[in-house]
Amino acid sequence: MKRHVRGKLLRATLGVFLLTAAALIGVVAWKQDATEKERLAEMEAQVTAHIASKAKALVDNHALALTGLVADNALGDVQSLVQRAVEKTAISSTGCSWIATANPGHPLTTSC
């Protein structure tokens, strides 16, 4: 009888221990997943912001470079330069909208 009670007690203790361990592992895995998703979202936001700042700098530099050409009335050269840039790198809609906003009705906006 003593061995039978001892076996039941051991099985009950082991069962509670295994259920507690499984629950603990589940909670830790869930928390780790949530933390990793937050970290990934932060990294994505940083990369997006970095790309946007580089794109803005690129557009600003192109605008400064084109200003001198337009001022010299070298419109044909500017149009061919923009056309080559569009063909090679596909100017983003941000750059085109910046040109359109800065110079409404300008012939360069027709290539965008």
N, C-alpha and C. Protein backbone atom coordinates (compact mmCIF):
# COMPACT_ATOMS: atom_id res chain seq x y z
N MET A 1 0.82 -1.19 0.00
CA MET A 1 0.00 0.00 0.00
C MET A 1 0.87 1.26 0.00
N LYS A 2 1.98 1.19 0.75
CA LYS A 2 2.87 2.33 0.86
C LYS A 2 3.49 2.66 -0.51
N ARG A 3 3.86 1.64 -1.27
CA ARG A 3 4.45 1.87 -2.58
C ARG A 3 3.42 2.44 -3.55
N HIS A 4 2.19 2.01 -3.42
CA HIS A 4 1.12 2.48 -4.30
C HIS A 4 0.86 3.97 -4.08
N VAL A 5 0.82 4.43 -2.86
CA VAL A 5 0.61 5.84 -2.54
C VAL A 5 1.81 6.66 -2.99
N ARG A 6 2.99 6.10 -2.75
CA ARG A 6 4.21 6.80 -3.15
C ARG A 6 4.24 6.95 -4.69
N GLY A 7 3.85 5.98 -5.46
CA GLY A 7 3.82 6.04 -6.91
C GLY A 7 2.81 7.07 -7.40
N LYS A 8 1.63 7.09 -6.77
CA LYS A 8 0.62 8.09 -7.14
C LYS A 8 1.12 9.49 -6.87
N LEU A 9 1.75 9.67 -5.71
CA LEU A 9 2.28 10.98 -5.35
C LEU A 9 3.38 11.39 -6.33
N LEU A 10 4.25 10.46 -6.68
CA LEU A 10 5.32 10.75 -7.63
C LEU A 10 4.77 11.10 -9.01
N ARG A 11 3.77 10.36 -9.49
CA ARG A 11 3.15 10.68 -10.77
C ARG A 11 2.46 12.04 -10.75
N ALA A 12 1.76 12.35 -9.67
CA ALA A 12 1.08 13.64 -9.56
C ALA A 12 2.10 14.79 -9.54
N THR A 13 3.18 14.61 -8.79
CA THR A 13 4.22 15.64 -8.72
C THR A 13 4.87 15.82 -10.08
N LEU A 14 5.19 14.72 -10.72
CA LEU A 14 5.81 14.79 -12.03
C LEU A 14 4.87 15.41 -13.06
N GLY A 15 3.58 15.09 -12.98
CA GLY A 15 2.60 15.69 -13.89
C GLY A 15 2.49 17.19 -13.71
N VAL A 16 2.43 17.64 -12.47
CA VAL A 16 2.36 19.09 -12.19
C VAL A 16 3.63 19.77 -12.68
N PHE A 17 4.78 19.15 -12.42
CA PHE A 17 6.05 19.71 -12.87
C PHE A 17 6.09 19.83 -14.40
N LEU A 18 5.68 18.81 -15.12
CA LEU A 18 5.70 18.85 -16.58
C LEU A 18 4.72 19.88 -17.13
N LEU A 19 3.54 19.98 -16.53
CA LEU A 19 2.58 21.00 -16.99
C LEU A 19 3.11 22.41 -16.74
N THR A 20 3.72 22.61 -15.58
CA THR A 20 4.30 23.93 -15.27
C THR A 20 5.44 24.25 -16.23
N ALA A 21 6.30 23.29 -16.50
CA ALA A 21 7.41 23.51 -17.42
C ALA A 21 6.90 23.82 -18.82
N ALA A 22 5.89 23.09 -19.28
CA ALA A 22 5.33 23.34 -20.61
C ALA A 22 4.71 24.73 -20.69
N ALA A 23 3.99 25.11 -19.64
CA ALA A 23 3.39 26.45 -19.62
C ALA A 23 4.47 27.53 -19.61
N LEU A 24 5.52 27.32 -18.84
CA LEU A 24 6.61 28.30 -18.76
C LEU A 24 7.32 28.43 -20.11
N ILE A 25 7.59 27.31 -20.76
CA ILE A 25 8.23 27.35 -22.07
C ILE A 25 7.33 28.05 -23.09
N GLY A 26 6.04 27.80 -23.01
CA GLY A 26 5.10 28.46 -23.91
C GLY A 26 5.08 29.97 -23.72
N VAL A 27 5.07 30.42 -22.48
CA VAL A 27 5.04 31.86 -22.19
C VAL A 27 6.34 32.52 -22.65
N VAL A 28 7.48 31.87 -22.39
CA VAL A 28 8.76 32.44 -22.80
C VAL A 28 8.84 32.52 -24.33
N ALA A 29 8.38 31.48 -25.02
CA ALA A 29 8.40 31.50 -26.48
C ALA A 29 7.48 32.60 -27.03
N TRP A 30 6.32 32.76 -26.44
CA TRP A 30 5.39 33.80 -26.89
C TRP A 30 5.99 35.19 -26.67
N LYS A 31 6.60 35.41 -25.50
CA LYS A 31 7.19 36.72 -25.19
C LYS A 31 8.38 37.00 -26.12
N GLN A 32 9.19 35.99 -26.39
CA GLN A 32 10.33 36.15 -27.29
C GLN A 32 9.85 36.51 -28.70
N ASP A 33 8.78 35.88 -29.16
CA ASP A 33 8.23 36.16 -30.47
C ASP A 33 7.72 37.60 -30.54
N ALA A 34 7.03 38.03 -29.49
CA ALA A 34 6.51 39.40 -29.47
C ALA A 34 7.65 40.42 -29.48
N THR A 35 8.70 40.16 -28.70
CA THR A 35 9.85 41.06 -28.65
C THR A 35 10.55 41.11 -30.00
N GLU A 36 10.69 39.97 -30.64
CA GLU A 36 11.36 39.92 -31.94
C GLU A 36 10.56 40.67 -33.00
N LYS A 37 9.24 40.57 -32.96
CA LYS A 37 8.41 41.32 -33.91
C LYS A 37 8.56 42.82 -33.71
N GLU A 38 8.63 43.27 -32.46
CA GLU A 38 8.82 44.70 -32.19
C GLU A 38 10.18 45.16 -32.72
N ARG A 39 11.23 44.37 -32.47
CA ARG A 39 12.57 44.73 -32.93
C ARG A 39 12.62 44.78 -34.44
N LEU A 40 11.98 43.85 -35.09
CA LEU A 40 11.94 43.82 -36.55
C LEU A 40 11.21 45.04 -37.10
N ALA A 41 10.12 45.44 -36.46
CA ALA A 41 9.38 46.63 -36.90
C ALA A 41 10.23 47.88 -36.73
N GLU A 42 10.99 47.98 -35.65
CA GLU A 42 11.87 49.13 -35.44
C GLU A 42 12.97 49.18 -36.50
N MET A 43 13.55 48.02 -36.80
CA MET A 43 14.60 47.97 -37.82
C MET A 43 14.04 48.36 -39.19
N GLU A 44 12.84 47.90 -39.49
CA GLU A 44 12.22 48.24 -40.77
C GLU A 44 11.97 49.74 -40.87
N ALA A 45 11.52 50.34 -39.78
CA ALA A 45 11.29 51.79 -39.78
C ALA A 45 12.61 52.55 -39.96
N GLN A 46 13.68 52.08 -39.33
CA GLN A 46 14.98 52.74 -39.48
C GLN A 46 15.49 52.63 -40.91
N VAL A 47 15.37 51.46 -41.50
CA VAL A 47 15.83 51.27 -42.87
C VAL A 47 15.02 52.13 -43.84
N THR A 48 13.71 52.17 -43.63
CA THR A 48 12.85 52.99 -44.49
C THR A 48 13.21 54.47 -44.37
N ALA A 49 13.45 54.93 -43.16
CA ALA A 49 13.83 56.34 -42.96
C ALA A 49 15.18 56.63 -43.60
N HIS A 50 16.11 55.69 -43.50
CA HIS A 50 17.43 55.88 -44.09
C HIS A 50 17.33 55.96 -45.62
N ILE A 51 16.55 55.07 -46.20
CA ILE A 51 16.37 55.09 -47.66
C ILE A 51 15.70 56.39 -48.10
N ALA A 52 14.70 56.83 -47.33
CA ALA A 52 14.02 58.08 -47.68
C ALA A 52 14.97 59.28 -47.61
N SER A 53 15.85 59.30 -46.61
CA SER A 53 16.78 60.43 -46.50
C SER A 53 17.80 60.40 -47.65
N LYS A 54 18.25 59.20 -48.03
CA LYS A 54 19.18 59.09 -49.17
C LYS A 54 18.48 59.52 -50.46
N ALA A 55 17.23 59.13 -50.64
CA ALA A 55 16.49 59.52 -51.84
C ALA A 55 16.30 61.03 -51.90
N LYS A 56 16.01 61.63 -50.74
CA LYS A 56 15.84 63.09 -50.71
C LYS A 56 17.14 63.79 -51.07
N ALA A 57 18.26 63.29 -50.53
CA ALA A 57 19.56 63.88 -50.86
C ALA A 57 19.86 63.74 -52.35
N LEU A 58 19.53 62.58 -52.92
CA LEU A 58 19.76 62.35 -54.35
C LEU A 58 18.93 63.30 -55.20
N VAL A 59 17.67 63.47 -54.83
CA VAL A 59 16.79 64.38 -55.58
C VAL A 59 17.29 65.81 -55.45
N ASP A 60 17.68 66.21 -54.25
CA ASP A 60 18.19 67.57 -54.06
C ASP A 60 19.46 67.81 -54.88
N ASN A 61 20.36 66.84 -54.89
CA ASN A 61 21.59 66.98 -55.66
C ASN A 61 21.31 67.05 -57.16
N HIS A 62 20.40 66.23 -57.64
CA HIS A 62 20.04 66.30 -59.05
C HIS A 62 19.40 67.65 -59.39
N ALA A 63 18.58 68.15 -58.49
CA ALA A 63 17.94 69.44 -58.73
C ALA A 63 18.98 70.55 -58.79
N LEU A 64 19.96 70.50 -57.90
CA LEU A 64 21.02 71.52 -57.94
C LEU A 64 21.85 71.40 -59.22
N ALA A 65 22.13 70.18 -59.63
CA ALA A 65 22.91 70.00 -60.86
C ALA A 65 22.13 70.47 -62.08
N LEU A 66 20.85 70.23 -62.10
CA LEU A 66 20.04 70.62 -63.26
C LEU A 66 19.77 72.11 -63.31
N THR A 67 19.82 72.77 -62.16
CA THR A 67 19.51 74.21 -62.13
C THR A 67 20.47 74.99 -63.02
N GLY A 68 21.76 74.67 -62.95
CA GLY A 68 22.74 75.37 -63.79
C GLY A 68 22.51 75.13 -65.26
N LEU A 69 22.16 73.92 -65.62
CA LEU A 69 21.91 73.61 -67.03
C LEU A 69 20.68 74.34 -67.55
N VAL A 70 19.64 74.38 -66.76
CA VAL A 70 18.42 75.08 -67.18
C VAL A 70 18.68 76.58 -67.26
N ALA A 71 19.48 77.09 -66.34
CA ALA A 71 19.79 78.52 -66.37
C ALA A 71 20.56 78.90 -67.63
N ASP A 72 21.34 77.98 -68.15
CA ASP A 72 22.11 78.24 -69.37
C ASP A 72 21.30 77.98 -70.64
N ASN A 73 20.00 77.73 -70.48
CA ASN A 73 19.10 77.45 -71.60
C ASN A 73 19.55 76.23 -72.40
N ALA A 74 20.08 75.27 -71.74
CA ALA A 74 20.49 74.04 -72.40
C ALA A 74 19.39 73.00 -72.19
N LEU A 75 18.18 73.38 -72.57
CA LEU A 75 17.03 72.53 -72.30
C LEU A 75 17.14 71.18 -73.00
N GLY A 76 17.65 71.16 -74.20
CA GLY A 76 17.81 69.89 -74.91
C GLY A 76 18.76 68.96 -74.16
N ASP A 77 19.86 69.50 -73.63
CA ASP A 77 20.80 68.69 -72.86
C ASP A 77 20.15 68.19 -71.58
N VAL A 78 19.37 69.04 -70.94
CA VAL A 78 18.70 68.66 -69.70
C VAL A 78 17.70 67.55 -69.97
N GLN A 79 16.93 67.69 -71.06
CA GLN A 79 15.95 66.65 -71.37
C GLN A 79 16.62 65.31 -71.66
N SER A 80 17.73 65.33 -72.38
CA SER A 80 18.42 64.06 -72.65
C SER A 80 19.03 63.49 -71.38
N LEU A 81 19.52 64.36 -70.50
CA LEU A 81 20.07 63.91 -69.23
C LEU A 81 18.99 63.26 -68.37
N VAL A 82 17.83 63.89 -68.31
CA VAL A 82 16.72 63.34 -67.53
C VAL A 82 16.24 62.05 -68.15
N GLN A 83 16.16 62.01 -69.47
CA GLN A 83 15.71 60.79 -70.14
C GLN A 83 16.64 59.62 -69.86
N ARG A 84 17.96 59.87 -69.89
CA ARG A 84 18.92 58.81 -69.57
C ARG A 84 18.78 58.36 -68.12
N ALA A 85 18.57 59.32 -67.22
CA ALA A 85 18.40 58.97 -65.81
C ALA A 85 17.15 58.14 -65.59
N VAL A 86 16.09 58.49 -66.31
CA VAL A 86 14.83 57.74 -66.20
C VAL A 86 15.03 56.32 -66.71
N GLU A 87 15.71 56.18 -67.82
CA GLU A 87 15.92 54.86 -68.39
C GLU A 87 16.82 53.99 -67.52
N LYS A 88 17.84 54.58 -66.92
CA LYS A 88 18.80 53.79 -66.15
C LYS A 88 18.33 53.52 -64.72
N THR A 89 17.78 54.52 -64.08
CA THR A 89 17.47 54.35 -62.66
C THR A 89 16.00 54.47 -62.32
N ALA A 90 15.17 54.80 -63.25
CA ALA A 90 13.73 54.97 -63.02
C ALA A 90 13.49 55.94 -61.87
N ILE A 91 13.54 57.22 -62.17
CA ILE A 91 13.33 58.27 -61.16
C ILE A 91 12.04 58.02 -60.43
N SER A 92 12.10 58.14 -59.13
CA SER A 92 10.91 57.88 -58.31
C SER A 92 9.89 58.98 -58.48
N SER A 93 8.67 58.67 -58.12
CA SER A 93 7.60 59.66 -58.23
C SER A 93 7.85 60.83 -57.30
N THR A 94 8.64 60.63 -56.23
CA THR A 94 8.97 61.73 -55.33
C THR A 94 9.79 62.78 -56.06
N GLY A 95 10.77 62.33 -56.82
CA GLY A 95 11.61 63.26 -57.56
C GLY A 95 10.81 64.00 -58.62
N CYS A 96 9.95 63.29 -59.30
CA CYS A 96 9.13 63.93 -60.33
C CYS A 96 8.16 64.92 -59.72
N SER A 97 7.58 64.54 -58.60
CA SER A 97 6.65 65.49 -57.97
C SER A 97 7.40 66.69 -57.43
N TRP A 98 8.66 66.51 -57.01
CA TRP A 98 9.45 67.64 -56.52
C TRP A 98 9.73 68.59 -57.67
N ILE A 99 10.09 68.05 -58.85
CA ILE A 99 10.35 68.90 -60.01
C ILE A 99 9.06 69.62 -60.41
N ALA A 100 7.94 68.90 -60.40
CA ALA A 100 6.66 69.50 -60.79
C ALA A 100 6.25 70.58 -59.80
N THR A 101 6.51 70.36 -58.51
CA THR A 101 6.15 71.36 -57.51
C THR A 101 7.04 72.59 -57.62
N ALA A 102 8.34 72.36 -57.84
CA ALA A 102 9.28 73.48 -57.90
C ALA A 102 9.08 74.31 -59.17
N ASN A 103 8.76 73.65 -60.27
CA ASN A 103 8.61 74.34 -61.55
C ASN A 103 7.34 73.87 -62.25
N PRO A 104 6.17 74.35 -61.84
CA PRO A 104 4.94 73.88 -62.50
C PRO A 104 4.93 74.25 -63.98
N GLY A 105 4.52 73.29 -64.80
CA GLY A 105 4.45 73.53 -66.23
C GLY A 105 5.77 73.41 -66.95
N HIS A 106 6.82 73.01 -66.24
CA HIS A 106 8.14 72.90 -66.84
C HIS A 106 8.19 71.68 -67.76
N PRO A 107 8.91 71.76 -68.88
CA PRO A 107 8.94 70.63 -69.83
C PRO A 107 9.54 69.36 -69.25
N LEU A 108 10.36 69.46 -68.22
CA LEU A 108 10.95 68.26 -67.63
C LEU A 108 9.90 67.37 -66.96
N THR A 109 8.82 67.97 -66.51
CA THR A 109 7.81 67.18 -65.83
C THR A 109 7.06 66.27 -66.79
N THR A 110 7.14 66.54 -68.08
CA THR A 110 6.44 65.66 -69.03
C THR A 110 7.14 64.32 -69.16
N SER A 111 8.43 64.23 -68.82
CA SER A 111 9.13 62.95 -68.93
C SER A 111 8.88 62.06 -67.71
N CYS A 112 8.26 62.58 -66.68
CA CYS A 112 8.03 61.79 -65.46
C CYS A 112 6.75 61.03 -65.53
